[in-house]
mmCIF file of all heavy atoms, coordinates in Angstrom:
data_MODEL
# 
_entry.id   MODEL 
# 
loop_
_atom_site.group_PDB 
_atom_site.id 
_atom_site.type_symbol 
_atom_site.label_atom_id 
_atom_site.label_alt_id 
_atom_site.label_comp_id 
_atom_site.label_asym_id 
_atom_site.label_entity_id 
_atom_site.label_seq_id 
_atom_site.pdbx_PDB_ins_code 
_atom_site.Cartn_x 
_atom_site.Cartn_y 
_atom_site.Cartn_z 
_atom_site.occupancy 
_atom_site.B_iso_or_equiv 
_atom_site.pdbx_formal_charge 
_atom_site.auth_seq_id 
_atom_site.auth_comp_id 
_atom_site.auth_asym_id 
_atom_site.auth_atom_id 
_atom_site.pdbx_PDB_model_num 
ATOM 1   N N   . GLY A 1 1  ? 38.731 144.177 30.772 1.00 0.00 ? 1  GLY A N   1 
ATOM 2   C CA  . GLY A 1 1  ? 38.380 143.555 32.029 1.00 0.00 ? 1  GLY A CA  1 
ATOM 3   C C   . GLY A 1 1  ? 37.027 143.005 32.080 1.00 0.00 ? 1  GLY A C   1 
ATOM 4   O O   . GLY A 1 1  ? 36.596 142.341 33.054 1.00 0.00 ? 1  GLY A O   1 
ATOM 5   N N   . LEU A 1 2  ? 36.232 143.228 31.091 1.00 0.00 ? 2  LEU A N   1 
ATOM 6   C CA  . LEU A 1 2  ? 34.834 142.761 31.028 1.00 0.00 ? 2  LEU A CA  1 
ATOM 7   C C   . LEU A 1 2  ? 34.771 141.361 30.446 1.00 0.00 ? 2  LEU A C   1 
ATOM 8   O O   . LEU A 1 2  ? 35.309 141.070 29.342 1.00 0.00 ? 2  LEU A O   1 
ATOM 9   C CB  . LEU A 1 2  ? 33.923 143.672 30.179 1.00 0.00 ? 2  LEU A CB  1 
ATOM 10  C CG  . LEU A 1 2  ? 32.458 143.289 30.078 1.00 0.00 ? 2  LEU A CG  1 
ATOM 11  C CD1 . LEU A 1 2  ? 31.782 143.315 31.407 1.00 0.00 ? 2  LEU A CD1 1 
ATOM 12  C CD2 . LEU A 1 2  ? 31.769 144.250 29.087 1.00 0.00 ? 2  LEU A CD2 1 
ATOM 13  N N   . ILE A 1 3  ? 34.127 140.401 31.189 1.00 0.00 ? 3  ILE A N   1 
ATOM 14  C CA  . ILE A 1 3  ? 34.005 139.004 30.655 1.00 0.00 ? 3  ILE A CA  1 
ATOM 15  C C   . ILE A 1 3  ? 32.581 138.568 30.878 1.00 0.00 ? 3  ILE A C   1 
ATOM 16  O O   . ILE A 1 3  ? 31.814 139.072 31.723 1.00 0.00 ? 3  ILE A O   1 
ATOM 17  C CB  . ILE A 1 3  ? 34.979 138.057 31.430 1.00 0.00 ? 3  ILE A CB  1 
ATOM 18  C CG1 . ILE A 1 3  ? 34.641 138.080 32.924 1.00 0.00 ? 3  ILE A CG1 1 
ATOM 19  C CG2 . ILE A 1 3  ? 36.458 138.445 31.156 1.00 0.00 ? 3  ILE A CG2 1 
ATOM 20  C CD1 . ILE A 1 3  ? 35.508 137.097 33.706 1.00 0.00 ? 3  ILE A CD1 1 
ATOM 21  N N   . ILE A 1 4  ? 32.185 137.557 30.053 1.00 0.00 ? 4  ILE A N   1 
ATOM 22  C CA  . ILE A 1 4  ? 30.915 136.900 30.225 1.00 0.00 ? 4  ILE A CA  1 
ATOM 23  C C   . ILE A 1 4  ? 31.220 135.504 30.686 1.00 0.00 ? 4  ILE A C   1 
ATOM 24  O O   . ILE A 1 4  ? 31.997 134.775 30.105 1.00 0.00 ? 4  ILE A O   1 
ATOM 25  C CB  . ILE A 1 4  ? 30.086 136.874 28.913 1.00 0.00 ? 4  ILE A CB  1 
ATOM 26  C CG1 . ILE A 1 4  ? 28.707 136.263 29.143 1.00 0.00 ? 4  ILE A CG1 1 
ATOM 27  C CG2 . ILE A 1 4  ? 30.800 136.166 27.791 1.00 0.00 ? 4  ILE A CG2 1 
ATOM 28  C CD1 . ILE A 1 4  ? 27.772 137.233 29.821 1.00 0.00 ? 4  ILE A CD1 1 
ATOM 29  N N   . SER A 1 5  ? 30.633 135.123 31.828 1.00 0.00 ? 5  SER A N   1 
ATOM 30  C CA  . SER A 1 5  ? 30.862 133.792 32.405 1.00 0.00 ? 5  SER A CA  1 
ATOM 31  C C   . SER A 1 5  ? 29.591 132.943 32.099 1.00 0.00 ? 5  SER A C   1 
ATOM 32  O O   . SER A 1 5  ? 28.506 133.342 32.375 1.00 0.00 ? 5  SER A O   1 
ATOM 33  C CB  . SER A 1 5  ? 31.122 133.837 33.959 1.00 0.00 ? 5  SER A CB  1 
ATOM 34  O OG  . SER A 1 5  ? 32.363 134.463 34.164 1.00 0.00 ? 5  SER A OG  1 
ATOM 35  N N   . VAL A 1 6  ? 29.869 131.729 31.611 1.00 0.00 ? 6  VAL A N   1 
ATOM 36  C CA  . VAL A 1 6  ? 28.753 130.805 31.211 1.00 0.00 ? 6  VAL A CA  1 
ATOM 37  C C   . VAL A 1 6  ? 28.812 129.636 32.215 1.00 0.00 ? 6  VAL A C   1 
ATOM 38  O O   . VAL A 1 6  ? 29.834 128.948 32.310 1.00 0.00 ? 6  VAL A O   1 
ATOM 39  C CB  . VAL A 1 6  ? 28.937 130.321 29.801 1.00 0.00 ? 6  VAL A CB  1 
ATOM 40  C CG1 . VAL A 1 6  ? 27.730 129.386 29.433 1.00 0.00 ? 6  VAL A CG1 1 
ATOM 41  C CG2 . VAL A 1 6  ? 29.003 131.462 28.822 1.00 0.00 ? 6  VAL A CG2 1 
ATOM 42  N N   . PHE A 1 7  ? 27.715 129.407 32.900 1.00 0.00 ? 7  PHE A N   1 
ATOM 43  C CA  . PHE A 1 7  ? 27.666 128.375 33.953 1.00 0.00 ? 7  PHE A CA  1 
ATOM 44  C C   . PHE A 1 7  ? 27.018 127.107 33.391 1.00 0.00 ? 7  PHE A C   1 
ATOM 45  O O   . PHE A 1 7  ? 26.243 127.167 32.408 1.00 0.00 ? 7  PHE A O   1 
ATOM 46  C CB  . PHE A 1 7  ? 26.875 128.859 35.149 1.00 0.00 ? 7  PHE A CB  1 
ATOM 47  C CG  . PHE A 1 7  ? 27.539 130.011 35.888 1.00 0.00 ? 7  PHE A CG  1 
ATOM 48  C CD1 . PHE A 1 7  ? 27.448 131.364 35.395 1.00 0.00 ? 7  PHE A CD1 1 
ATOM 49  C CD2 . PHE A 1 7  ? 28.224 129.720 37.058 1.00 0.00 ? 7  PHE A CD2 1 
ATOM 50  C CE1 . PHE A 1 7  ? 28.038 132.382 36.152 1.00 0.00 ? 7  PHE A CE1 1 
ATOM 51  C CE2 . PHE A 1 7  ? 28.856 130.778 37.744 1.00 0.00 ? 7  PHE A CE2 1 
ATOM 52  C CZ  . PHE A 1 7  ? 28.788 132.138 37.256 1.00 0.00 ? 7  PHE A CZ  1 
ATOM 53  N N   . PRO A 1 8  ? 27.315 125.951 34.024 1.00 0.00 ? 8  PRO A N   1 
ATOM 54  C CA  . PRO A 1 8  ? 26.726 124.684 33.596 1.00 0.00 ? 8  PRO A CA  1 
ATOM 55  C C   . PRO A 1 8  ? 25.216 124.718 33.559 1.00 0.00 ? 8  PRO A C   1 
ATOM 56  O O   . PRO A 1 8  ? 24.585 124.032 32.772 1.00 0.00 ? 8  PRO A O   1 
ATOM 57  C CB  . PRO A 1 8  ? 27.275 123.708 34.582 1.00 0.00 ? 8  PRO A CB  1 
ATOM 58  C CG  . PRO A 1 8  ? 28.544 124.232 35.035 1.00 0.00 ? 8  PRO A CG  1 
ATOM 59  C CD  . PRO A 1 8  ? 28.326 125.723 35.059 1.00 0.00 ? 8  PRO A CD  1 
ATOM 60  N N   . SER A 1 9  ? 24.646 125.542 34.398 1.00 0.00 ? 9  SER A N   1 
ATOM 61  C CA  . SER A 1 9  ? 23.200 125.669 34.453 1.00 0.00 ? 9  SER A CA  1 
ATOM 62  C C   . SER A 1 9  ? 22.604 126.413 33.251 1.00 0.00 ? 9  SER A C   1 
ATOM 63  O O   . SER A 1 9  ? 21.362 126.419 33.053 1.00 0.00 ? 9  SER A O   1 
ATOM 64  C CB  . SER A 1 9  ? 22.763 126.355 35.760 1.00 0.00 ? 9  SER A CB  1 
ATOM 65  O OG  . SER A 1 9  ? 23.263 127.736 35.756 1.00 0.00 ? 9  SER A OG  1 
ATOM 66  N N   . GLY A 1 10 ? 23.500 127.055 32.516 1.00 0.00 ? 10 GLY A N   1 
ATOM 67  C CA  . GLY A 1 10 ? 23.019 127.857 31.426 1.00 0.00 ? 10 GLY A CA  1 
ATOM 68  C C   . GLY A 1 10 ? 23.012 129.365 31.656 1.00 0.00 ? 10 GLY A C   1 
ATOM 69  O O   . GLY A 1 10 ? 22.790 130.157 30.731 1.00 0.00 ? 10 GLY A O   1 
ATOM 70  N N   . LYS A 1 11 ? 23.175 129.735 32.939 1.00 0.00 ? 11 LYS A N   1 
ATOM 71  C CA  . LYS A 1 11 ? 23.156 131.162 33.275 1.00 0.00 ? 11 LYS A CA  1 
ATOM 72  C C   . LYS A 1 11 ? 24.425 131.846 32.708 1.00 0.00 ? 11 LYS A C   1 
ATOM 73  O O   . LYS A 1 11 ? 25.479 131.194 32.601 1.00 0.00 ? 11 LYS A O   1 
ATOM 74  C CB  . LYS A 1 11 ? 23.153 131.357 34.800 1.00 0.00 ? 11 LYS A CB  1 
ATOM 75  C CG  . LYS A 1 11 ? 21.798 131.205 35.435 1.00 0.00 ? 11 LYS A CG  1 
ATOM 76  C CD  . LYS A 1 11 ? 21.826 131.638 36.895 1.00 0.00 ? 11 LYS A CD  1 
ATOM 77  C CE  . LYS A 1 11 ? 20.450 131.584 37.527 1.00 0.00 ? 11 LYS A CE  1 
ATOM 78  N NZ  . LYS A 1 11 ? 20.478 132.028 38.906 1.00 0.00 ? 11 LYS A NZ  1 
ATOM 79  N N   . LYS A 1 12 ? 24.252 133.060 32.278 1.00 0.00 ? 12 LYS A N   1 
ATOM 80  C CA  . LYS A 1 12 ? 25.330 133.819 31.768 1.00 0.00 ? 12 LYS A CA  1 
ATOM 81  C C   . LYS A 1 12 ? 25.466 135.166 32.542 1.00 0.00 ? 12 LYS A C   1 
ATOM 82  O O   . LYS A 1 12 ? 24.505 135.927 32.574 1.00 0.00 ? 12 LYS A O   1 
ATOM 83  C CB  . LYS A 1 12 ? 25.174 134.107 30.268 1.00 0.00 ? 12 LYS A CB  1 
ATOM 84  C CG  . LYS A 1 12 ? 25.079 132.839 29.450 1.00 0.00 ? 12 LYS A CG  1 
ATOM 85  C CD  . LYS A 1 12 ? 24.624 133.109 28.024 1.00 0.00 ? 12 LYS A CD  1 
ATOM 86  C CE  . LYS A 1 12 ? 24.362 131.821 27.252 1.00 0.00 ? 12 LYS A CE  1 
ATOM 87  N NZ  . LYS A 1 12 ? 23.864 132.036 25.923 1.00 0.00 ? 12 LYS A NZ  1 
ATOM 88  N N   . LYS A 1 13 ? 26.626 135.396 33.194 1.00 0.00 ? 13 LYS A N   1 
ATOM 89  C CA  . LYS A 1 13 ? 26.739 136.608 34.021 1.00 0.00 ? 13 LYS A CA  1 
ATOM 90  C C   . LYS A 1 13 ? 27.920 137.432 33.514 1.00 0.00 ? 13 LYS A C   1 
ATOM 91  O O   . LYS A 1 13 ? 28.979 136.930 33.094 1.00 0.00 ? 13 LYS A O   1 
ATOM 92  C CB  . LYS A 1 13 ? 27.051 136.181 35.450 1.00 0.00 ? 13 LYS A CB  1 
ATOM 93  C CG  . LYS A 1 13 ? 25.845 135.561 36.178 1.00 0.00 ? 13 LYS A CG  1 
ATOM 94  C CD  . LYS A 1 13 ? 26.148 135.292 37.615 1.00 0.00 ? 13 LYS A CD  1 
ATOM 95  C CE  . LYS A 1 13 ? 24.956 134.686 38.298 1.00 0.00 ? 13 LYS A CE  1 
ATOM 96  N NZ  . LYS A 1 13 ? 25.216 134.480 39.806 1.00 0.00 ? 13 LYS A NZ  1 
ATOM 97  N N   . TRP A 1 14 ? 27.683 138.743 33.561 1.00 0.00 ? 14 TRP A N   1 
ATOM 98  C CA  . TRP A 1 14 ? 28.727 139.713 33.224 1.00 0.00 ? 14 TRP A CA  1 
ATOM 99  C C   . TRP A 1 14 ? 29.563 139.947 34.466 1.00 0.00 ? 14 TRP A C   1 
ATOM 100 O O   . TRP A 1 14 ? 29.060 140.292 35.496 1.00 0.00 ? 14 TRP A O   1 
ATOM 101 C CB  . TRP A 1 14 ? 28.151 141.008 32.725 1.00 0.00 ? 14 TRP A CB  1 
ATOM 102 C CG  . TRP A 1 14 ? 27.436 140.946 31.413 1.00 0.00 ? 14 TRP A CG  1 
ATOM 103 C CD1 . TRP A 1 14 ? 26.134 140.912 31.202 1.00 0.00 ? 14 TRP A CD1 1 
ATOM 104 C CD2 . TRP A 1 14 ? 28.062 140.894 30.158 1.00 0.00 ? 14 TRP A CD2 1 
ATOM 105 N NE1 . TRP A 1 14 ? 25.776 140.893 29.884 1.00 0.00 ? 14 TRP A NE1 1 
ATOM 106 C CE2 . TRP A 1 14 ? 27.006 140.789 29.191 1.00 0.00 ? 14 TRP A CE2 1 
ATOM 107 C CE3 . TRP A 1 14 ? 29.367 140.787 29.688 1.00 0.00 ? 14 TRP A CE3 1 
ATOM 108 C CZ2 . TRP A 1 14 ? 27.244 140.732 27.825 1.00 0.00 ? 14 TRP A CZ2 1 
ATOM 109 C CZ3 . TRP A 1 14 ? 29.578 140.722 28.319 1.00 0.00 ? 14 TRP A CZ3 1 
ATOM 110 C CH2 . TRP A 1 14 ? 28.555 140.696 27.382 1.00 0.00 ? 14 TRP A CH2 1 
ATOM 111 N N   . VAL A 1 15 ? 30.868 139.864 34.337 1.00 0.00 ? 15 VAL A N   1 
ATOM 112 C CA  . VAL A 1 15 ? 31.799 140.050 35.466 1.00 0.00 ? 15 VAL A CA  1 
ATOM 113 C C   . VAL A 1 15 ? 32.901 141.033 34.998 1.00 0.00 ? 15 VAL A C   1 
ATOM 114 O O   . VAL A 1 15 ? 33.415 140.919 33.908 1.00 0.00 ? 15 VAL A O   1 
ATOM 115 C CB  . VAL A 1 15 ? 32.474 138.727 35.917 1.00 0.00 ? 15 VAL A CB  1 
ATOM 116 C CG1 . VAL A 1 15 ? 33.410 138.996 37.063 1.00 0.00 ? 15 VAL A CG1 1 
ATOM 117 C CG2 . VAL A 1 15 ? 31.341 137.708 36.298 1.00 0.00 ? 15 VAL A CG2 1 
ATOM 118 N N   . LEU A 1 16 ? 33.222 141.987 35.873 1.00 0.00 ? 16 LEU A N   1 
ATOM 119 C CA  . LEU A 1 16 ? 34.286 142.913 35.588 1.00 0.00 ? 16 LEU A CA  1 
ATOM 120 C C   . LEU A 1 16 ? 35.486 142.621 36.476 1.00 0.00 ? 16 LEU A C   1 
ATOM 121 O O   . LEU A 1 16 ? 35.381 142.541 37.685 1.00 0.00 ? 16 LEU A O   1 
ATOM 122 C CB  . LEU A 1 16 ? 33.794 144.363 35.882 1.00 0.00 ? 16 LEU A CB  1 
ATOM 123 C CG  . LEU A 1 16 ? 34.878 145.458 35.710 1.00 0.00 ? 16 LEU A CG  1 
ATOM 124 C CD1 . LEU A 1 16 ? 35.246 145.559 34.177 1.00 0.00 ? 16 LEU A CD1 1 
ATOM 125 C CD2 . LEU A 1 16 ? 34.365 146.838 36.167 1.00 0.00 ? 16 LEU A CD2 1 
ATOM 126 N N   . SER A 1 17 ? 36.608 142.405 35.809 1.00 0.00 ? 17 SER A N   1 
ATOM 127 C CA  . SER A 1 17 ? 37.838 142.203 36.544 1.00 0.00 ? 17 SER A CA  1 
ATOM 128 C C   . SER A 1 17 ? 38.637 143.463 36.571 1.00 0.00 ? 17 SER A C   1 
ATOM 129 O O   . SER A 1 17 ? 38.826 144.104 35.529 1.00 0.00 ? 17 SER A O   1 
ATOM 130 C CB  . SER A 1 17 ? 38.652 141.081 35.841 1.00 0.00 ? 17 SER A CB  1 
ATOM 131 O OG  . SER A 1 17 ? 39.895 140.852 36.499 1.00 0.00 ? 17 SER A OG  1 
ATOM 132 N N   . TYR A 1 18 ? 39.073 143.904 37.744 1.00 0.00 ? 18 TYR A N   1 
ATOM 133 C CA  . TYR A 1 18 ? 39.756 145.222 37.896 1.00 0.00 ? 18 TYR A CA  1 
ATOM 134 C C   . TYR A 1 18 ? 40.729 145.201 39.006 1.00 0.00 ? 18 TYR A C   1 
ATOM 135 O O   . TYR A 1 18 ? 40.688 144.360 39.896 1.00 0.00 ? 18 TYR A O   1 
ATOM 136 C CB  . TYR A 1 18 ? 38.685 146.311 38.062 1.00 0.00 ? 18 TYR A CB  1 
ATOM 137 C CG  . TYR A 1 18 ? 37.940 146.195 39.369 1.00 0.00 ? 18 TYR A CG  1 
ATOM 138 C CD1 . TYR A 1 18 ? 38.321 146.889 40.545 1.00 0.00 ? 18 TYR A CD1 1 
ATOM 139 C CD2 . TYR A 1 18 ? 36.828 145.370 39.455 1.00 0.00 ? 18 TYR A CD2 1 
ATOM 140 C CE1 . TYR A 1 18 ? 37.645 146.750 41.742 1.00 0.00 ? 18 TYR A CE1 1 
ATOM 141 C CE2 . TYR A 1 18 ? 36.108 145.239 40.640 1.00 0.00 ? 18 TYR A CE2 1 
ATOM 142 C CZ  . TYR A 1 18 ? 36.507 145.931 41.785 1.00 0.00 ? 18 TYR A CZ  1 
ATOM 143 O OH  . TYR A 1 18 ? 35.851 145.811 42.987 1.00 0.00 ? 18 TYR A OH  1 
ATOM 144 N N   . ARG A 1 19 ? 41.646 146.151 38.983 1.00 0.00 ? 19 ARG A N   1 
ATOM 145 C CA  . ARG A 1 19 ? 42.614 146.371 40.076 1.00 0.00 ? 19 ARG A CA  1 
ATOM 146 C C   . ARG A 1 19 ? 42.262 147.600 40.860 1.00 0.00 ? 19 ARG A C   1 
ATOM 147 O O   . ARG A 1 19 ? 41.957 148.614 40.245 1.00 0.00 ? 19 ARG A O   1 
ATOM 148 C CB  . ARG A 1 19 ? 44.028 146.454 39.491 1.00 0.00 ? 19 ARG A CB  1 
ATOM 149 C CG  . ARG A 1 19 ? 44.606 145.121 38.913 1.00 0.00 ? 19 ARG A CG  1 
ATOM 150 C CD  . ARG A 1 19 ? 46.042 145.229 38.507 1.00 0.00 ? 19 ARG A CD  1 
ATOM 151 N NE  . ARG A 1 19 ? 46.888 145.369 39.716 1.00 0.00 ? 19 ARG A NE  1 
ATOM 152 C CZ  . ARG A 1 19 ? 47.334 144.317 40.425 1.00 0.00 ? 19 ARG A CZ  1 
ATOM 153 N NH1 . ARG A 1 19 ? 46.989 143.089 40.091 1.00 0.00 ? 19 ARG A NH1 1 
ATOM 154 N NH2 . ARG A 1 19 ? 48.139 144.505 41.458 1.00 0.00 ? 19 ARG A NH2 1 
ATOM 155 N N   . HIS A 1 20 ? 42.343 147.529 42.166 1.00 0.00 ? 20 HIS A N   1 
ATOM 156 C CA  . HIS A 1 20 ? 42.052 148.696 43.016 1.00 0.00 ? 20 HIS A CA  1 
ATOM 157 C C   . HIS A 1 20 ? 42.960 148.600 44.220 1.00 0.00 ? 20 HIS A C   1 
ATOM 158 O O   . HIS A 1 20 ? 43.032 147.603 44.951 1.00 0.00 ? 20 HIS A O   1 
ATOM 159 C CB  . HIS A 1 20 ? 40.589 148.669 43.452 1.00 0.00 ? 20 HIS A CB  1 
ATOM 160 C CG  . HIS A 1 20 ? 40.153 149.894 44.119 1.00 0.00 ? 20 HIS A CG  1 
ATOM 161 N ND1 . HIS A 1 20 ? 40.334 151.174 43.576 1.00 0.00 ? 20 HIS A ND1 1 
ATOM 162 C CD2 . HIS A 1 20 ? 39.576 150.106 45.346 1.00 0.00 ? 20 HIS A CD2 1 
ATOM 163 C CE1 . HIS A 1 20 ? 39.842 152.063 44.448 1.00 0.00 ? 20 HIS A CE1 1 
ATOM 164 N NE2 . HIS A 1 20 ? 39.430 151.451 45.492 1.00 0.00 ? 20 HIS A NE2 1 
ATOM 165 N N   . HIS A 1 21 ? 43.743 149.672 44.416 1.00 0.00 ? 21 HIS A N   1 
ATOM 166 C CA  . HIS A 1 21 ? 44.737 149.729 45.467 1.00 0.00 ? 21 HIS A CA  1 
ATOM 167 C C   . HIS A 1 21 ? 45.714 148.535 45.399 1.00 0.00 ? 21 HIS A C   1 
ATOM 168 O O   . HIS A 1 21 ? 46.069 147.981 46.427 1.00 0.00 ? 21 HIS A O   1 
ATOM 169 C CB  . HIS A 1 21 ? 44.046 149.738 46.854 1.00 0.00 ? 21 HIS A CB  1 
ATOM 170 C CG  . HIS A 1 21 ? 43.189 151.003 47.111 1.00 0.00 ? 21 HIS A CG  1 
ATOM 171 N ND1 . HIS A 1 21 ? 43.652 152.246 46.841 1.00 0.00 ? 21 HIS A ND1 1 
ATOM 172 C CD2 . HIS A 1 21 ? 41.916 151.117 47.556 1.00 0.00 ? 21 HIS A CD2 1 
ATOM 173 C CE1 . HIS A 1 21 ? 42.663 153.107 47.174 1.00 0.00 ? 21 HIS A CE1 1 
ATOM 174 N NE2 . HIS A 1 21 ? 41.618 152.436 47.564 1.00 0.00 ? 21 HIS A NE2 1 
ATOM 175 N N   . GLY A 1 22 ? 46.085 148.187 44.192 1.00 0.00 ? 22 GLY A N   1 
ATOM 176 C CA  . GLY A 1 22 ? 47.078 147.149 43.974 1.00 0.00 ? 22 GLY A CA  1 
ATOM 177 C C   . GLY A 1 22 ? 46.556 145.749 44.089 1.00 0.00 ? 22 GLY A C   1 
ATOM 178 O O   . GLY A 1 22 ? 47.346 144.805 43.951 1.00 0.00 ? 22 GLY A O   1 
ATOM 179 N N   . LYS A 1 23 ? 45.256 145.561 44.288 1.00 0.00 ? 23 LYS A N   1 
ATOM 180 C CA  . LYS A 1 23 ? 44.696 144.185 44.377 1.00 0.00 ? 23 LYS A CA  1 
ATOM 181 C C   . LYS A 1 23 ? 43.739 143.913 43.222 1.00 0.00 ? 23 LYS A C   1 
ATOM 182 O O   . LYS A 1 23 ? 43.037 144.823 42.802 1.00 0.00 ? 23 LYS A O   1 
ATOM 183 C CB  . LYS A 1 23 ? 43.951 144.088 45.716 1.00 0.00 ? 23 LYS A CB  1 
ATOM 184 C CG  . LYS A 1 23 ? 44.817 144.147 46.959 1.00 0.00 ? 23 LYS A CG  1 
ATOM 185 C CD  . LYS A 1 23 ? 43.987 143.947 48.212 1.00 0.00 ? 23 LYS A CD  1 
ATOM 186 C CE  . LYS A 1 23 ? 44.895 143.996 49.466 1.00 0.00 ? 23 LYS A CE  1 
ATOM 187 N NZ  . LYS A 1 23 ? 44.158 143.790 50.709 1.00 0.00 ? 23 LYS A NZ  1 
ATOM 188 N N   . GLN A 1 24 ? 43.765 142.691 42.778 1.00 0.00 ? 24 GLN A N   1 
ATOM 189 C CA  . GLN A 1 24 ? 42.836 142.280 41.725 1.00 0.00 ? 24 GLN A CA  1 
ATOM 190 C C   . GLN A 1 24 ? 41.470 141.918 42.300 1.00 0.00 ? 24 GLN A C   1 
ATOM 191 O O   . GLN A 1 24 ? 41.412 141.216 43.345 1.00 0.00 ? 24 GLN A O   1 
ATOM 192 C CB  . GLN A 1 24 ? 43.421 141.034 40.999 1.00 0.00 ? 24 GLN A CB  1 
ATOM 193 C CG  . GLN A 1 24 ? 42.777 140.680 39.697 1.00 0.00 ? 24 GLN A CG  1 
ATOM 194 C CD  . GLN A 1 24 ? 42.966 141.760 38.635 1.00 0.00 ? 24 GLN A CD  1 
ATOM 195 O OE1 . GLN A 1 24 ? 43.990 142.482 38.639 1.00 0.00 ? 24 GLN A OE1 1 
ATOM 196 N NE2 . GLN A 1 24 ? 42.056 141.919 37.685 1.00 0.00 ? 24 GLN A NE2 1 
ATOM 197 N N   . ASN A 1 25 ? 40.457 142.410 41.727 1.00 0.00 ? 25 ASN A N   1 
ATOM 198 C CA  . ASN A 1 25 ? 39.125 142.213 42.214 1.00 0.00 ? 25 ASN A CA  1 
ATOM 199 C C   . ASN A 1 25 ? 38.184 141.855 41.083 1.00 0.00 ? 25 ASN A C   1 
ATOM 200 O O   . ASN A 1 25 ? 38.485 142.081 39.860 1.00 0.00 ? 25 ASN A O   1 
ATOM 201 C CB  . ASN A 1 25 ? 38.568 143.447 42.957 1.00 0.00 ? 25 ASN A CB  1 
ATOM 202 C CG  . ASN A 1 25 ? 39.391 143.840 44.101 1.00 0.00 ? 25 ASN A CG  1 
ATOM 203 O OD1 . ASN A 1 25 ? 39.245 143.294 45.212 1.00 0.00 ? 25 ASN A OD1 1 
ATOM 204 N ND2 . ASN A 1 25 ? 40.269 144.841 43.929 1.00 0.00 ? 25 ASN A ND2 1 
ATOM 205 N N   . GLN A 1 26 ? 37.019 141.353 41.425 1.00 0.00 ? 26 GLN A N   1 
ATOM 206 C CA  . GLN A 1 26 ? 35.930 141.096 40.405 1.00 0.00 ? 26 GLN A CA  1 
ATOM 207 C C   . GLN A 1 26 ? 34.628 141.580 40.952 1.00 0.00 ? 26 GLN A C   1 
ATOM 208 O O   . GLN A 1 26 ? 34.346 141.537 42.155 1.00 0.00 ? 26 GLN A O   1 
ATOM 209 C CB  . GLN A 1 26 ? 35.859 139.603 40.093 1.00 0.00 ? 26 GLN A CB  1 
ATOM 210 C CG  . GLN A 1 26 ? 37.015 139.027 39.258 1.00 0.00 ? 26 GLN A CG  1 
ATOM 211 C CD  . GLN A 1 26 ? 36.744 137.663 38.732 1.00 0.00 ? 26 GLN A CD  1 
ATOM 212 O OE1 . GLN A 1 26 ? 35.953 136.914 39.292 1.00 0.00 ? 26 GLN A OE1 1 
ATOM 213 N NE2 . GLN A 1 26 ? 37.343 137.344 37.567 1.00 0.00 ? 26 GLN A NE2 1 
# 
């Protein structure tokens, strides 16, 4: 569930994708 997102501006952010109570969240 761990991803690195690269933005056009050059910023790089760590994002965690997970499920909680049956719903997908980030």
